[in-house]
Amino acid sequence: MRYLLNLPLVISLICLISLVNDVVLSRVPGGGDAALGAAYAIAFETLLVWLCLSVLVVACGAMGGFPRPQMQGLQGATIALMGFAAIVAIELLPLWIAMEHNAVTRFGVDQAVTARLAAFGLPFVLMLYAAWIINAPSASRATLAPHVGALSMVGLLCIVGAVVSMRELGREAKVEQAQAAANAREADAQADQIRQQFSKLSDSDSFAAWYSYATYNVPDDVRIEALRRIAARPQLEAELGEALASDNGNWSEAALALIVRLPFTPSASLVAPVRTAISAYAGHLVEALRYVTDGDERIDEYMSDVVLKVAIQLAESSNADLSDSIDEVAHAMAQYRTSAATRSFAAHSAETKARIRGILSARRG
């Protein structure tokens, strides 16, 4: 019965020979269908080689073909499978390198040669070892020398594979470090360019021009200085009011957020524009229901938090009660019944309105 194992043995040997021919000896396809076909062939041959090897190694373990530990049946098959899994884990990186047609160019001659030695030599040794266990007489299989020789070669080739893997991991680490350094230099260059552009701004430049440097897409020092300079603009509240009333929802919402971020105390003149902007935000939430199925795709929790903070800020600075505006947003968000953000806003809005009542009561008292 064990002689039937010669079938997967022959299949794996044929596939290994074909694999070596396709990867090492054949001319590299130039591209197109030929290259795609070669890649599929290599992948299929590699998979078949190692699949047949797994069958052979597990079967040899079940037969009690290995000297240590001397086990048969399920125990022997399990031990053999664990050993084979360890070999595969060691061989993954060398195998990946060996499959590259341009391995010499990409990884260097030494790395390519040692990777292919491990990737093609180890399965070949395993095939020879399995062929001897399967076909040798029982008395011959008891001889220790062939086992020691075969397992020593397997161990040596595993060490070669481990060395290849460590080299490749080291190379990848160096490449990542070099890329990180290049990215850092590019980021520094972009930051310097932004600083140079920012330094050219003057008070005569538009509010929108200044705002572009107050976002989180610029260096922190530029953003902080931009916010300080915007807060000092003599017509700030008029410019904010114009932005809050804008038909562009993104610009209106940006102006709302800017009120919270700017180091200034808003006056009562901003109460009406803020109400308009909050109402527009609530309207956009309702309108968006036509285009989304999940409320969390549309609801921006940052903006809903901005609404609450603006309401508190105006209560403190101008005795304004924006509870009705908060209710308008809450009503709009309530239509997103499955959204977690809706439930969160309902709780926070109640807390905010209670805080506003407390602020106004203290002022009246």
Protein backbone atom coordinates (compact mmCIF):
# COMPACT_ATOMS: atom_id res chain seq x y z
CA MET A 1 0.00 0.00 0.00
CA ARG A 2 2.82 2.36 0.82
CA TYR A 3 4.12 2.12 -2.74
CA LEU A 4 1.16 4.20 -3.89
CA LEU A 5 3.00 7.14 -2.31
CA ASN A 6 5.37 7.00 -5.25
CA LEU A 7 2.66 8.77 -7.27
CA PRO A 8 2.79 12.07 -5.33
CA LEU A 9 6.57 11.58 -5.16
CA VAL A 10 6.87 11.49 -8.95
CA ILE A 11 4.44 14.40 -9.34
CA SER A 12 6.43 16.55 -6.91
CA LEU A 13 9.72 15.69 -8.61
CA ILE A 14 8.37 16.55 -12.07
CA CYS A 15 6.95 19.83 -10.77
CA LEU A 16 10.22 20.71 -9.04
CA ILE A 17 12.23 20.10 -12.23
CA SER A 18 9.74 22.19 -14.21
CA LEU A 19 9.89 24.90 -11.56
CA VAL A 20 13.68 25.11 -11.70
CA ASN A 21 13.47 25.29 -15.48
CA ASP A 22 10.85 28.05 -15.45
CA VAL A 23 12.54 30.18 -12.80
CA VAL A 24 16.27 29.63 -13.37
CA LEU A 25 16.85 28.28 -16.87
CA SER A 26 14.10 29.76 -19.03
CA ARG A 27 14.19 33.17 -20.63
CA VAL A 28 12.18 35.77 -18.71
CA PRO A 29 8.93 36.59 -20.59
CA GLY A 30 8.83 40.18 -21.78
CA GLY A 31 5.30 40.86 -20.57
CA GLY A 32 1.66 40.45 -21.50
CA ASP A 33 -0.01 37.06 -21.63
CA ALA A 34 3.33 35.21 -21.71
CA ALA A 35 4.47 36.77 -18.44
CA LEU A 36 1.08 36.16 -16.83
CA GLY A 37 1.07 32.55 -17.99
CA ALA A 38 4.59 32.00 -16.63
CA ALA A 39 3.59 33.48 -13.27
CA TYR A 40 0.55 31.20 -13.02
CA ALA A 41 2.67 28.17 -13.98
CA ILE A 42 5.28 28.96 -11.34
CA ALA A 43 2.63 29.49 -8.66
CA PHE A 44 0.85 26.23 -9.55
CA GLU A 45 4.08 24.19 -9.67
CA THR A 46 5.24 25.60 -6.32
CA LEU A 47 1.90 24.83 -4.69
CA LEU A 48 1.86 21.29 -6.10
CA VAL A 49 5.44 20.57 -4.99
CA TRP A 50 4.79 21.53 -1.39
CA LEU A 51 1.32 19.96 -1.31
CA CYS A 52 2.73 16.61 -2.47
CA LEU A 53 5.60 16.97 0.00
CA SER A 54 3.14 17.48 2.84
CA VAL A 55 1.37 14.25 1.88
CA LEU A 56 4.68 12.38 1.69
CA VAL A 57 6.06 13.66 5.01
CA VAL A 58 2.81 13.02 6.91
CA ALA A 59 2.50 9.55 5.37
CA CYS A 60 6.10 8.72 6.28
CA GLY A 61 5.39 9.82 9.84
CA ALA A 62 2.27 7.65 9.98
CA MET A 63 4.35 4.69 8.75
CA GLY A 64 6.85 5.23 11.56
CA GLY A 65 9.52 5.98 8.98
CA PHE A 66 11.40 8.57 11.03
CA PRO A 67 13.90 7.41 13.67
CA ARG A 68 13.21 9.97 16.40
CA PRO A 69 10.68 10.01 17.84
CA GLN A 70 9.72 6.49 16.80
CA MET A 71 5.95 6.85 16.45
CA GLN A 72 3.32 5.51 14.08
CA GLY A 73 -0.27 6.23 13.19
CA LEU A 74 -1.87 9.47 14.24
CA GLN A 75 0.95 10.40 16.63
CA GLY A 76 3.60 9.87 13.99
CA ALA A 77 1.58 11.82 11.40
CA THR A 78 1.07 14.71 13.85
CA ILE A 79 4.77 14.95 14.71
CA ALA A 80 5.67 14.82 11.01
CA LEU A 81 3.11 17.52 10.18
CA MET A 82 4.49 19.82 12.90
CA GLY A 83 8.03 19.36 11.59
CA PHE A 84 6.89 20.02 8.03
CA ALA A 85 5.05 23.18 9.14
CA ALA A 86 8.26 24.43 10.77
CA ILE A 87 10.18 23.80 7.53
CA VAL A 88 7.57 25.66 5.49
CA ALA A 89 7.72 28.63 7.88
CA ILE A 90 11.50 28.79 7.47
CA GLU A 91 11.24 28.47 3.69
CA LEU A 92 8.63 31.15 3.03
CA LEU A 93 11.00 34.08 2.47
CA PRO A 94 13.65 32.08 0.56
CA LEU A 95 10.89 30.65 -1.61
CA TRP A 96 9.50 34.12 -2.35
CA ILE A 97 12.98 35.36 -3.30
CA ALA A 98 13.72 32.29 -5.41
CA MET A 99 10.52 32.72 -7.43
CA GLU A 100 11.67 36.12 -8.69
CA HIS A 101 12.99 35.97 -12.25
CA ASN A 102 15.13 39.03 -11.55
CA ALA A 103 16.26 37.84 -8.11
CA VAL A 104 19.93 38.47 -8.90
CA THR A 105 19.26 42.09 -9.86
CA ARG A 106 16.87 42.77 -7.01
CA PHE A 107 18.52 40.89 -4.14
CA GLY A 108 22.12 40.37 -5.25
CA VAL A 109 23.95 37.26 -6.45
CA ASP A 110 24.71 35.78 -3.01
CA GLN A 111 21.14 36.19 -1.74
CA ALA A 112 19.59 34.86 -4.94
CA VAL A 113 21.86 31.79 -5.09
CA THR A 114 21.42 30.87 -1.41
CA ALA A 115 17.66 31.45 -1.60
CA ARG A 116 17.35 29.13 -4.60
CA LEU A 117 19.58 26.56 -2.92
CA ALA A 118 17.20 26.49 0.04
CA ALA A 119 14.00 26.76 -2.02
CA PHE A 120 14.88 24.03 -4.54
CA GLY A 121 17.46 21.96 -2.64
CA LEU A 122 15.38 21.35 0.48
CA PRO A 123 12.34 19.87 -1.30
CA PHE A 124 14.66 17.71 -3.42
CA VAL A 125 16.36 16.29 -0.30
CA LEU A 126 12.94 15.67 1.28
CA MET A 127 11.85 13.83 -1.88
CA LEU A 128 14.93 11.57 -1.84
CA TYR A 129 14.47 10.91 1.87
CA ALA A 130 10.77 10.10 1.42
CA ALA A 131 11.56 7.87 -1.60
CA TRP A 132 14.01 5.86 0.53
CA ILE A 133 11.55 5.52 3.45
CA ILE A 134 8.75 4.45 1.11
CA ASN A 135 10.65 1.98 -1.06
CA ALA A 136 13.49 0.64 1.11
CA PRO A 137 13.01 -2.75 2.84
CA SER A 138 12.11 -2.64 6.52
CA ALA A 139 15.54 -3.86 7.55
CA SER A 140 17.26 -1.10 5.59
CA ARG A 141 15.01 1.56 7.09
CA ALA A 142 16.28 0.58 10.52
CA THR A 143 19.81 1.68 9.52
CA LEU A 144 20.52 4.98 11.25
CA ALA A 145 23.13 6.40 8.85
CA PRO A 146 20.73 7.32 5.97
CA HIS A 147 18.39 9.02 8.44
CA VAL A 148 21.23 11.02 9.98
CA GLY A 149 22.56 12.02 6.56
CA ALA A 150 19.16 13.09 5.21
CA LEU A 151 18.08 14.94 8.35
CA SER A 152 21.47 16.65 8.55
CA MET A 153 21.03 17.93 4.99
CA VAL A 154 17.51 19.08 5.82
CA GLY A 155 18.79 20.89 8.92
CA LEU A 156 21.65 22.49 6.98
CA LEU A 157 19.33 23.73 4.26
CA CYS A 158 16.95 25.07 6.92
CA ILE A 159 19.87 27.04 8.36
CA VAL A 160 20.61 28.39 4.87
CA GLY A 161 16.95 29.38 4.56
CA ALA A 162 17.02 31.07 7.97
CA VAL A 163 20.14 33.05 6.98
CA VAL A 164 18.41 34.15 3.76
CA SER A 165 15.37 35.24 5.76
CA MET A 166 17.46 37.26 8.24
CA ARG A 167 19.31 38.95 5.38
CA GLU A 168 16.04 39.84 3.68
CA LEU A 169 14.47 41.14 6.87
CA GLY A 170 17.56 43.27 7.44
CA ARG A 171 17.41 44.58 3.88
CA GLU A 172 13.71 45.43 4.23
CA ALA A 173 14.41 47.23 7.50
CA LYS A 174 17.10 49.34 5.80
CA VAL A 175 14.77 50.10 2.90
CA GLU A 176 12.02 51.17 5.32
CA GLN A 177 14.46 53.36 7.24
CA ALA A 178 15.67 54.97 4.02
CA GLN A 179 12.07 55.53 2.90
CA ALA A 180 11.15 56.99 6.28
CA ALA A 181 14.13 59.34 6.10
CA ALA A 182 13.16 60.38 2.57
CA ASN A 183 9.56 60.97 3.67
CA ALA A 184 10.78 63.04 6.62
CA ARG A 185 12.97 65.16 4.34
CA GLU A 186 10.07 65.67 1.95
CA ALA A 187 7.75 66.62 4.82
CA ASP A 188 10.33 69.08 6.16
CA ALA A 189 10.75 70.61 2.70
CA GLN A 190 6.97 70.99 2.32
CA ALA A 191 6.71 72.50 5.80
CA ASP A 192 9.45 75.02 4.97
CA GLN A 193 7.67 75.91 1.74
CA ILE A 194 4.40 76.47 3.65
CA ARG A 195 6.23 78.67 6.17
CA GLN A 196 7.74 80.75 3.35
CA GLN A 197 4.32 81.19 1.71
CA PHE A 198 2.72 82.06 5.06
CA SER A 199 5.37 84.70 5.76
CA LYS A 200 4.29 86.55 2.61
CA LEU A 201 0.70 87.03 3.80
CA SER A 202 -0.37 90.51 4.83
CA ASP A 203 -3.43 91.97 6.52
CA SER A 204 -4.75 92.94 3.10
CA ASP A 205 -5.06 89.27 2.07
CA SER A 206 -8.50 87.74 2.22
CA PHE A 207 -10.01 85.95 5.18
CA ALA A 208 -10.09 82.74 3.13
CA ALA A 209 -6.37 83.04 2.36
CA TRP A 210 -5.57 83.31 6.05
CA TYR A 211 -7.92 80.45 6.92
CA SER A 212 -6.07 78.09 4.57
CA TYR A 213 -3.13 78.29 7.02
CA ALA A 214 -5.31 77.63 10.07
CA THR A 215 -6.15 74.04 9.12
CA TYR A 216 -4.49 70.88 10.34
CA ASN A 217 -2.74 70.41 6.99
CA VAL A 218 0.00 72.88 7.93
CA PRO A 219 2.77 72.75 10.58
CA ASP A 220 1.63 73.42 14.13
CA ASP A 221 3.61 76.65 14.48
CA VAL A 222 2.04 78.04 11.30
CA ARG A 223 -1.48 77.06 12.38
CA ILE A 224 -1.13 78.61 15.84
CA GLU A 225 0.25 81.85 14.43
CA ALA A 226 -2.43 81.95 11.74
CA LEU A 227 -5.18 81.58 14.35
CA ARG A 228 -3.62 84.37 16.42
CA ARG A 229 -3.36 86.69 13.40
CA ILE A 230 -6.93 85.90 12.28
CA ALA A 231 -8.25 86.65 15.76
CA ALA A 232 -6.57 90.07 15.56
CA ARG A 233 -8.19 91.06 12.24
CA PRO A 234 -10.18 94.30 12.72
CA GLN A 235 -13.16 93.07 10.64
CA LEU A 236 -13.09 89.51 12.00
CA GLU A 237 -16.72 89.23 13.07
CA ALA A 238 -18.00 90.71 9.82
CA GLU A 239 -15.88 88.20 7.88
CA LEU A 240 -17.05 85.37 10.09
CA GLY A 241 -20.66 86.44 9.64
CA GLU A 242 -20.26 86.42 5.87
CA ALA A 243 -18.69 82.95 5.97
CA LEU A 244 -21.40 81.62 8.32
CA ALA A 245 -24.10 82.80 5.89
CA SER A 246 -22.37 81.23 2.89
CA ASP A 247 -24.32 78.88 0.62
CA ASN A 248 -21.24 76.67 0.63
CA GLY A 249 -21.97 74.27 3.49
CA ASN A 250 -18.32 73.35 3.95
CA TRP A 251 -17.28 77.00 4.31
CA SER A 252 -20.14 77.70 6.70
CA GLU A 253 -19.23 74.73 8.87
CA ALA A 254 -15.56 75.73 8.78
CA ALA A 255 -16.51 79.18 10.09
CA LEU A 256 -18.48 77.58 12.94
CA ALA A 257 -15.46 75.50 13.90
CA LEU A 258 -13.22 78.55 13.63
CA ILE A 259 -15.21 80.40 16.28
CA VAL A 260 -14.35 77.63 18.74
CA ARG A 261 -10.68 77.53 17.74
CA LEU A 262 -9.90 81.24 17.61
CA PRO A 263 -8.47 82.94 20.73
CA PHE A 264 -11.15 85.65 20.92
CA THR A 265 -14.44 86.44 22.66
CA PRO A 266 -17.37 86.53 20.22
CA SER A 267 -19.89 89.33 20.54
CA ALA A 268 -23.67 89.31 20.20
CA SER A 269 -23.32 90.27 16.53
CA LEU A 270 -22.39 86.65 15.76
CA VAL A 271 -25.48 85.13 17.39
CA ALA A 272 -27.76 85.50 14.34
CA PRO A 273 -25.17 84.26 11.78
CA VAL A 274 -24.36 81.30 14.04
CA ARG A 275 -28.07 80.41 14.25
CA THR A 276 -28.24 80.53 10.45
CA ALA A 277 -25.16 78.33 10.06
CA ILE A 278 -26.40 75.77 12.58
CA SER A 279 -29.79 75.67 10.86
CA ALA A 280 -28.04 75.13 7.51
CA TYR A 281 -25.99 72.31 9.04
CA ALA A 282 -29.17 70.64 10.30
CA GLY A 283 -30.70 71.02 6.85
CA HIS A 284 -27.69 69.37 5.23
CA LEU A 285 -28.06 66.42 7.59
CA VAL A 286 -31.68 65.96 6.57
CA GLU A 287 -30.88 66.34 2.88
CA ALA A 288 -28.09 63.78 3.11
CA LEU A 289 -30.61 61.11 4.13
CA ARG A 290 -31.49 60.78 0.45
CA TYR A 291 -27.97 59.67 -0.42
CA VAL A 292 -26.81 57.46 2.46
CA THR A 293 -28.06 54.31 4.14
CA ASP A 294 -25.90 54.53 7.25
CA GLY A 295 -26.01 57.71 9.29
CA ASP A 296 -22.46 57.22 10.54
CA GLU A 297 -21.29 57.73 6.94
CA ARG A 298 -22.57 61.31 6.96
CA ILE A 299 -22.66 62.50 10.56
CA ASP A 300 -19.45 64.28 11.49
CA GLU A 301 -19.16 64.01 15.26
CA TYR A 302 -16.57 66.78 15.23
CA MET A 303 -19.09 69.21 13.73
CA SER A 304 -21.87 68.18 16.10
CA ASP A 305 -19.45 68.79 18.98
CA VAL A 306 -18.61 72.20 17.48
CA VAL A 307 -22.31 73.14 17.56
CA LEU A 308 -22.45 72.44 21.29
CA LYS A 309 -19.22 74.31 22.02
CA VAL A 310 -20.29 77.36 20.01
CA ALA A 311 -23.59 77.44 21.91
CA ILE A 312 -21.77 77.42 25.25
CA GLN A 313 -19.27 80.03 24.07
CA LEU A 314 -21.98 82.46 22.96
CA ALA A 315 -23.92 81.88 26.19
CA GLU A 316 -20.83 82.86 28.17
CA SER A 317 -19.86 85.84 26.03
CA SER A 318 -23.24 87.22 24.86
CA ASN A 319 -25.96 85.73 27.11
CA ALA A 320 -27.32 83.97 24.03
CA ASP A 321 -29.55 80.92 24.37
CA LEU A 322 -29.04 78.63 21.36
CA SER A 323 -30.98 75.72 22.84
CA ASP A 324 -33.49 75.88 19.96
CA SER A 325 -30.63 75.58 17.46
CA ILE A 326 -29.30 72.57 19.35
CA ASP A 327 -32.78 71.02 19.26
CA GLU A 328 -32.90 71.59 15.51
CA VAL A 329 -29.67 69.62 15.02
CA ALA A 330 -30.87 66.93 17.43
CA HIS A 331 -34.12 66.59 15.45
CA ALA A 332 -32.17 66.23 12.20
CA MET A 333 -29.82 63.66 13.68
CA ALA A 334 -32.70 61.71 15.21
CA GLN A 335 -33.74 60.73 11.69
CA TYR A 336 -30.55 58.64 11.49
CA ARG A 337 -32.10 56.03 13.74
CA THR A 338 -29.29 53.46 13.49
CA SER A 339 -26.46 55.90 14.12
CA ALA A 340 -24.43 55.71 17.32
CA ALA A 341 -23.57 59.40 16.84
CA THR A 342 -27.27 60.25 17.15
CA ARG A 343 -27.53 58.68 20.60
CA SER A 344 -24.31 60.34 21.71
CA PHE A 345 -25.45 63.78 20.54
CA ALA A 346 -28.80 63.41 22.31
CA ALA A 347 -27.03 62.88 25.64
CA HIS A 348 -24.47 65.65 25.11
CA SER A 349 -27.06 68.14 23.89
CA ALA A 350 -29.09 67.68 27.06
CA GLU A 351 -25.98 68.35 29.15
CA THR A 352 -25.14 71.41 27.05
CA LYS A 353 -28.62 72.94 27.36
CA ALA A 354 -28.52 72.42 31.12
CA ARG A 355 -25.16 74.17 31.23
CA ILE A 356 -26.51 77.08 29.15
CA ARG A 357 -29.45 77.45 31.56
CA GLY A 358 -27.00 77.53 34.44
CA ILE A 359 -24.87 80.20 32.76
CA LEU A 360 -27.86 82.43 31.98
CA SER A 361 -29.35 81.96 35.44
CA ALA A 362 -26.08 82.99 37.05
CA ARG A 363 -25.92 86.09 34.85
CA ARG A 364 -29.49 87.13 35.73
CA GLY A 365 -28.91 86.48 39.40
